[in-house]
Amino acid sequence: MASLHSIATKRNLSSVAHRPFEKITPLTIYQKTIAHIVSCQGIGVHSGLPVTLTLYPAFSGNGITFIRTDVGGKEIKANWQTVVDTRMCTTVGNSQGITVSTVEHLMAALAAHGIDNIRIELDGPELPIMDGSASPFIRLLEEAGLKQQQTPRKLIRVLKEVTVENGSQKASLSPASSYEIEVEFDFAGRTSLQAQNFTFCPFKDSFEEDIASARTFGLLEDAQKIWAMGLAKGASLDNTLVYEGDQVLNEDGVRYTDECVRHKILDVMGDLHLAGGLILGKFHGIRPGHTLHSQLLHALFADSTAWEG
């Protein structure tokens, strides 16, 4: 399958990293939107269908909204309360049953740029997978430019540890002076690959350099089963890092030696941006996934003594 590139990529954008958290305290952070309308095209990794994505500026306080233009402009708020499915990706939906899937990579790019307000139009049920990472969306946002607004960001300060578990998987949020994400990942003995561990601090580290390029990944045996079920129709080596045992099947190899755990951090950033504000706390995950991320936000907000904001 031919590689797909965003319109932003074709325009040869600068690769200069934007670090919205660098050298500023949480109390000085204001809401942001984009300055200009931008678009990209690609295919859905699960549907295999072409989709056009267009980003529009939004007023402060409006939040992040998806608009399905193929079904009459139905709107879906990007929020932890609107998550309706977490199998293989994060899906949000509205009361009419209209959904948008695979939102996590764009949400991670929005989180990295500190964008709270944006309108996202798409003409299908799923965001384009692009190259399987957040880099195409980072470049798209760089083309759009950022616009600081006058309203302060909502801060969600974690006051006590909240933990959710599912078998060998575990995720927690605990008090911290800033925002920190630590993930431990391995394939649970299914390959001979070593366990990977990575810690990312959005206030001081570069998302573009350290995280954005990490692709979605999986084992060939799992991919074959999923394809046999008629799922993941758009998945290919152009957008997915695939292992057969401990061997990488992609001709270009890995982008980071620990690309899997870095992509896990990317997913955490995207899913936690559904909290509706900037989290001040530490996330720690052991083999985390979309379901655990959603459960963690539900557990946090269900306990009024666990957070303030």
Protein backbone atom coordinates (compact mmCIF):
# COMPACT_ATOMS: atom_id res chain seq x y z
CA MET A 1 0.00 0.00 0.00
CA ALA A 2 1.38 3.41 -0.94
CA SER A 3 2.39 5.66 1.91
CA LEU A 4 -0.04 8.44 2.73
CA HIS A 5 1.10 11.93 3.61
CA SER A 6 -0.78 14.88 5.04
CA ILE A 7 -1.22 18.05 3.03
CA ALA A 8 1.00 19.68 5.65
CA THR A 9 3.78 17.20 4.89
CA LYS A 10 3.57 17.91 1.16
CA ARG A 11 4.09 21.60 1.88
CA ASN A 12 7.55 20.84 3.37
CA LEU A 13 6.86 22.32 6.78
CA SER A 14 9.59 23.27 9.21
CA SER A 15 10.46 20.57 11.75
CA VAL A 16 11.04 23.08 14.57
CA ALA A 17 9.49 21.69 17.75
CA HIS A 18 6.87 23.63 19.65
CA ARG A 19 7.17 23.17 23.42
CA PRO A 20 4.12 24.86 24.96
CA PHE A 21 5.02 23.78 28.51
CA GLU A 22 8.68 24.83 28.49
CA LYS A 23 9.86 27.38 31.06
CA ILE A 24 6.38 28.42 32.15
CA THR A 25 4.50 27.65 35.33
CA PRO A 26 1.02 26.11 35.22
CA LEU A 27 -0.51 29.31 36.58
CA THR A 28 0.59 31.27 33.50
CA ILE A 29 -0.82 28.85 30.93
CA TYR A 30 -3.74 30.12 28.88
CA GLN A 31 -6.05 28.28 26.53
CA LYS A 32 -5.02 27.97 22.89
CA THR A 33 -6.60 27.33 19.54
CA ILE A 34 -5.15 27.27 16.02
CA ALA A 35 -4.70 30.41 13.93
CA HIS A 36 -5.65 29.07 10.49
CA ILE A 37 -7.76 26.33 8.88
CA VAL A 38 -5.78 23.28 7.72
CA SER A 39 -6.62 19.90 6.19
CA CYS A 40 -5.14 16.47 5.55
CA GLN A 41 -6.25 13.26 3.90
CA GLY A 42 -5.64 9.59 4.61
CA ILE A 43 -7.38 6.30 5.36
CA GLY A 44 -8.89 4.81 8.48
CA VAL A 45 -6.75 2.03 9.92
CA HIS A 46 -9.80 -0.04 10.84
CA SER A 47 -12.23 0.83 8.04
CA GLY A 48 -9.68 1.18 5.26
CA LEU A 49 -11.82 4.03 3.89
CA PRO A 50 -10.49 7.40 2.70
CA VAL A 51 -11.17 10.36 4.98
CA THR A 52 -10.55 14.10 4.84
CA LEU A 53 -9.82 15.90 8.10
CA THR A 54 -10.13 19.68 8.49
CA LEU A 55 -9.21 21.66 11.60
CA TYR A 56 -10.85 25.00 12.47
CA PRO A 57 -10.14 27.54 15.21
CA ALA A 58 -12.63 27.64 18.11
CA PHE A 59 -13.49 30.21 20.77
CA SER A 60 -12.10 29.87 24.29
CA GLY A 61 -14.17 27.57 26.46
CA ASN A 62 -15.60 25.67 23.49
CA GLY A 63 -13.37 22.66 24.00
CA ILE A 64 -12.51 20.06 21.37
CA THR A 65 -15.38 19.06 19.09
CA PHE A 66 -15.59 16.53 16.26
CA ILE A 67 -18.06 17.18 13.43
CA ARG A 68 -19.13 14.33 11.13
CA THR A 69 -19.89 16.11 7.84
CA ASP A 70 -20.94 12.83 6.19
CA VAL A 71 -23.97 12.54 8.49
CA GLY A 72 -25.28 16.09 8.45
CA GLY A 73 -22.71 17.81 10.64
CA LYS A 74 -23.41 15.88 13.84
CA GLU A 75 -21.19 17.03 16.71
CA ILE A 76 -19.32 14.94 19.27
CA LYS A 77 -17.48 16.44 22.21
CA ALA A 78 -14.01 15.06 22.88
CA ASN A 79 -14.32 14.26 26.57
CA TRP A 80 -13.77 11.32 28.92
CA GLN A 81 -17.53 11.13 29.41
CA THR A 82 -18.18 10.65 25.68
CA VAL A 83 -15.84 7.65 25.28
CA VAL A 84 -18.02 4.76 24.06
CA ASP A 85 -15.46 2.15 22.98
CA THR A 86 -11.82 1.41 23.77
CA ARG A 87 -11.22 -1.80 21.81
CA MET A 88 -8.10 -1.32 19.65
CA CYS A 89 -8.52 2.49 19.73
CA THR A 90 -10.40 5.26 21.52
CA THR A 91 -13.88 6.04 20.18
CA VAL A 92 -16.10 8.93 21.25
CA GLY A 93 -19.81 9.25 20.53
CA ASN A 94 -22.91 11.34 21.11
CA SER A 95 -26.44 10.58 22.33
CA GLN A 96 -27.56 9.90 18.74
CA GLY A 97 -25.12 7.02 18.36
CA ILE A 98 -22.78 8.91 16.02
CA THR A 99 -19.15 8.02 16.71
CA VAL A 100 -15.59 8.99 15.79
CA SER A 101 -12.81 6.42 16.20
CA THR A 102 -9.03 6.45 16.55
CA VAL A 103 -8.90 9.92 18.08
CA GLU A 104 -5.85 9.31 20.28
CA HIS A 105 -3.02 10.33 17.92
CA LEU A 106 -4.55 13.70 17.03
CA MET A 107 -5.51 14.23 20.68
CA ALA A 108 -1.87 13.62 21.65
CA ALA A 109 -0.70 16.24 19.16
CA LEU A 110 -3.28 18.69 20.54
CA ALA A 111 -2.10 17.95 24.07
CA ALA A 112 1.54 18.50 23.12
CA HIS A 113 0.68 21.92 21.69
CA GLY A 114 -1.55 22.82 24.63
CA ILE A 115 -4.63 23.20 22.41
CA ASP A 116 -7.92 23.18 24.34
CA ASN A 117 -10.29 24.62 21.73
CA ILE A 118 -10.65 23.35 18.16
CA ARG A 119 -13.33 22.13 15.74
CA ILE A 120 -12.41 18.98 13.84
CA GLU A 121 -14.43 18.14 10.72
CA LEU A 122 -14.17 14.75 9.06
CA ASP A 123 -16.21 13.00 6.39
CA GLY A 124 -16.13 9.53 7.88
CA PRO A 125 -16.34 7.57 11.14
CA GLU A 126 -12.61 7.39 11.78
CA LEU A 127 -9.62 9.72 11.80
CA PRO A 128 -6.90 8.99 9.23
CA ILE A 129 -4.11 6.82 10.56
CA MET A 130 -1.45 8.61 8.45
CA ASP A 131 1.90 6.92 9.26
CA GLY A 132 0.67 5.45 12.56
CA SER A 133 2.20 8.18 14.70
CA ALA A 134 1.38 11.74 15.78
CA SER A 135 4.05 13.38 13.61
CA PRO A 136 1.76 14.20 10.64
CA PHE A 137 -0.67 15.89 13.03
CA ILE A 138 2.16 17.82 14.70
CA ARG A 139 3.20 19.15 11.27
CA LEU A 140 -0.39 19.99 10.45
CA LEU A 141 -0.72 22.02 13.65
CA GLU A 142 2.57 23.77 12.92
CA GLU A 143 1.14 24.82 9.56
CA ALA A 144 -2.02 26.08 11.26
CA GLY A 145 -0.10 28.07 13.86
CA LEU A 146 -1.15 28.61 17.46
CA LYS A 147 -3.28 31.39 18.89
CA GLN A 148 -3.20 32.09 22.62
CA GLN A 149 -6.54 33.03 24.13
CA GLN A 150 -7.39 35.14 27.16
CA THR A 151 -8.99 32.38 29.26
CA PRO A 152 -6.71 30.42 31.65
CA ARG A 153 -6.50 26.67 31.10
CA LYS A 154 -8.43 24.41 33.42
CA LEU A 155 -5.98 22.74 35.80
CA ILE A 156 -6.79 19.30 37.18
CA ARG A 157 -4.58 18.77 40.22
CA VAL A 158 -4.32 15.17 41.45
CA LEU A 159 -4.60 15.13 45.28
CA LYS A 160 -4.23 11.43 46.03
CA GLU A 161 -3.32 8.27 44.18
CA VAL A 162 -6.00 6.62 42.06
CA THR A 163 -5.31 3.18 40.57
CA VAL A 164 -7.09 0.81 38.18
CA GLU A 165 -6.02 -2.72 37.26
CA ASN A 166 -6.93 -5.40 34.76
CA GLY A 167 -4.95 -8.60 35.22
CA SER A 168 -1.29 -7.76 34.62
CA GLN A 169 -2.19 -4.26 33.43
CA LYS A 170 -2.14 -1.33 35.81
CA ALA A 171 -2.47 2.44 35.60
CA SER A 172 -2.39 5.13 38.26
CA LEU A 173 -2.43 8.89 38.76
CA SER A 174 -0.70 10.30 41.82
CA PRO A 175 0.11 13.79 43.15
CA ALA A 176 3.05 15.60 41.51
CA SER A 177 4.17 19.19 41.04
CA SER A 178 3.81 19.00 37.25
CA TYR A 179 2.74 16.48 34.59
CA GLU A 180 4.77 13.29 34.25
CA ILE A 181 4.13 10.04 32.38
CA GLU A 182 6.00 6.80 33.09
CA VAL A 183 5.20 3.59 31.25
CA GLU A 184 6.57 0.07 31.59
CA PHE A 185 5.85 -2.21 28.65
CA ASP A 186 6.63 -5.72 27.46
CA PHE A 187 4.92 -8.34 25.33
CA ALA A 188 4.17 -10.54 28.36
CA GLY A 189 6.58 -13.29 27.31
CA ARG A 190 5.23 -13.57 23.75
CA THR A 191 8.56 -12.44 22.28
CA SER A 192 12.17 -12.35 23.44
CA LEU A 193 12.18 -8.54 23.26
CA GLN A 194 13.38 -6.87 26.43
CA ALA A 195 11.00 -4.90 28.62
CA GLN A 196 10.89 -1.18 27.85
CA ASN A 197 10.54 1.69 30.31
CA PHE A 198 10.29 5.40 29.53
CA THR A 199 9.44 8.56 31.44
CA PHE A 200 8.24 11.69 29.67
CA CYS A 201 7.71 15.12 31.25
CA PRO A 202 5.64 17.42 28.99
CA PHE A 203 6.75 20.52 30.91
CA LYS A 204 10.41 20.06 29.94
CA ASP A 205 10.83 17.32 27.32
CA SER A 206 10.21 17.57 23.57
CA PHE A 207 7.17 15.65 22.38
CA GLU A 208 8.24 16.04 18.76
CA GLU A 209 11.73 14.65 19.36
CA ASP A 210 10.97 11.97 21.95
CA ILE A 211 7.44 10.71 21.32
CA ALA A 212 5.63 11.98 18.21
CA SER A 213 7.22 9.65 15.63
CA ALA A 214 6.54 6.43 17.57
CA ARG A 215 4.11 4.30 15.54
CA THR A 216 1.29 2.02 16.52
CA PHE A 217 2.61 -1.52 16.69
CA GLY A 218 1.69 -5.16 17.02
CA LEU A 219 2.66 -8.80 16.47
CA LEU A 220 2.17 -10.37 13.05
CA GLU A 221 0.20 -13.29 14.49
CA ASP A 222 -2.29 -10.87 16.03
CA ALA A 223 -2.55 -8.85 12.83
CA GLN A 224 -3.31 -11.98 10.83
CA LYS A 225 -6.14 -12.90 13.20
CA ILE A 226 -7.58 -9.38 13.04
CA TRP A 227 -7.42 -9.32 9.23
CA ALA A 228 -9.16 -12.72 9.11
CA MET A 229 -12.02 -11.17 11.09
CA GLY A 230 -12.35 -8.41 8.49
CA LEU A 231 -10.91 -5.77 10.82
CA ALA A 232 -7.97 -3.35 10.54
CA LYS A 233 -8.56 -3.10 6.78
CA GLY A 234 -6.31 -0.06 6.48
CA ALA A 235 -3.40 -1.42 8.50
CA SER A 236 -0.13 -2.03 6.65
CA LEU A 237 3.61 -1.73 7.10
CA ASP A 238 3.18 1.89 5.97
CA ASN A 239 1.39 2.76 9.20
CA THR A 240 2.10 -0.01 11.70
CA LEU A 241 5.29 -1.31 13.29
CA VAL A 242 5.00 -5.11 13.01
CA TYR A 243 7.03 -7.74 14.84
CA GLU A 244 7.36 -11.41 13.96
CA GLY A 245 8.91 -12.79 17.10
CA ASP A 246 11.67 -10.31 17.89
CA GLN A 247 12.18 -9.34 14.24
CA VAL A 248 10.85 -6.09 12.76
CA LEU A 249 9.14 -6.62 9.40
CA ASN A 250 9.20 -2.95 8.36
CA GLU A 251 12.00 -2.27 5.86
CA ASP A 252 12.96 0.98 7.57
CA GLY A 253 13.26 -0.72 10.96
CA VAL A 254 12.38 1.08 14.18
CA ARG A 255 12.41 4.85 14.70
CA TYR A 256 13.49 4.44 18.33
CA THR A 257 15.03 1.37 19.92
CA ASP A 258 12.16 1.50 22.43
CA GLU A 259 9.49 2.66 19.98
CA CYS A 260 6.73 0.54 21.53
CA VAL A 261 6.85 2.12 24.98
CA ARG A 262 7.12 5.59 23.44
CA HIS A 263 3.97 4.95 21.43
CA LYS A 264 2.27 3.85 24.64
CA ILE A 265 3.16 7.25 26.12
CA LEU A 266 1.74 8.89 22.98
CA ASP A 267 -1.55 7.05 23.57
CA VAL A 268 -1.57 8.08 27.23
CA MET A 269 -1.10 11.74 26.26
CA GLY A 270 -3.97 11.53 23.78
CA ASP A 271 -6.40 9.69 26.02
CA LEU A 272 -5.70 11.84 29.09
CA HIS A 273 -6.27 15.01 27.05
CA LEU A 274 -9.92 13.90 27.16
CA ALA A 275 -9.88 14.97 30.83
CA GLY A 276 -10.86 18.46 29.70
CA GLY A 277 -7.91 20.25 31.27
CA LEU A 278 -4.23 20.10 32.06
CA ILE A 279 -3.47 17.30 34.51
CA LEU A 280 -0.99 18.10 37.27
CA GLY A 281 0.04 14.67 38.47
CA LYS A 282 2.06 11.60 37.59
CA PHE A 283 0.70 8.81 35.40
CA HIS A 284 2.32 5.41 35.86
CA GLY A 285 1.33 2.50 33.66
CA ILE A 286 2.27 -1.15 33.37
CA ARG A 287 1.22 -2.47 29.95
CA PRO A 288 -1.50 0.21 29.79
CA GLY A 289 -4.09 0.55 27.04
CA HIS A 290 -7.06 2.64 25.98
CA THR A 291 -9.50 0.80 28.23
CA LEU A 292 -7.33 1.34 31.30
CA HIS A 293 -6.86 5.03 30.45
CA SER A 294 -10.62 5.53 30.26
CA GLN A 295 -11.22 3.62 33.48
CA LEU A 296 -8.58 5.71 35.22
CA LEU A 297 -10.24 9.01 34.30
CA HIS A 298 -13.61 7.65 35.45
CA ALA A 299 -12.06 6.58 38.76
CA LEU A 300 -10.36 9.95 39.24
CA PHE A 301 -13.45 12.06 38.64
CA ALA A 302 -15.68 9.69 40.61
CA ASP A 303 -13.73 10.58 43.78
CA SER A 304 -14.14 14.27 44.60
CA THR A 305 -11.33 14.00 47.17
CA ALA A 306 -8.84 12.77 44.55
CA TRP A 307 -8.62 15.98 42.51
CA GLU A 308 -9.33 19.68 42.39
CA GLY A 309 -9.72 22.06 39.49
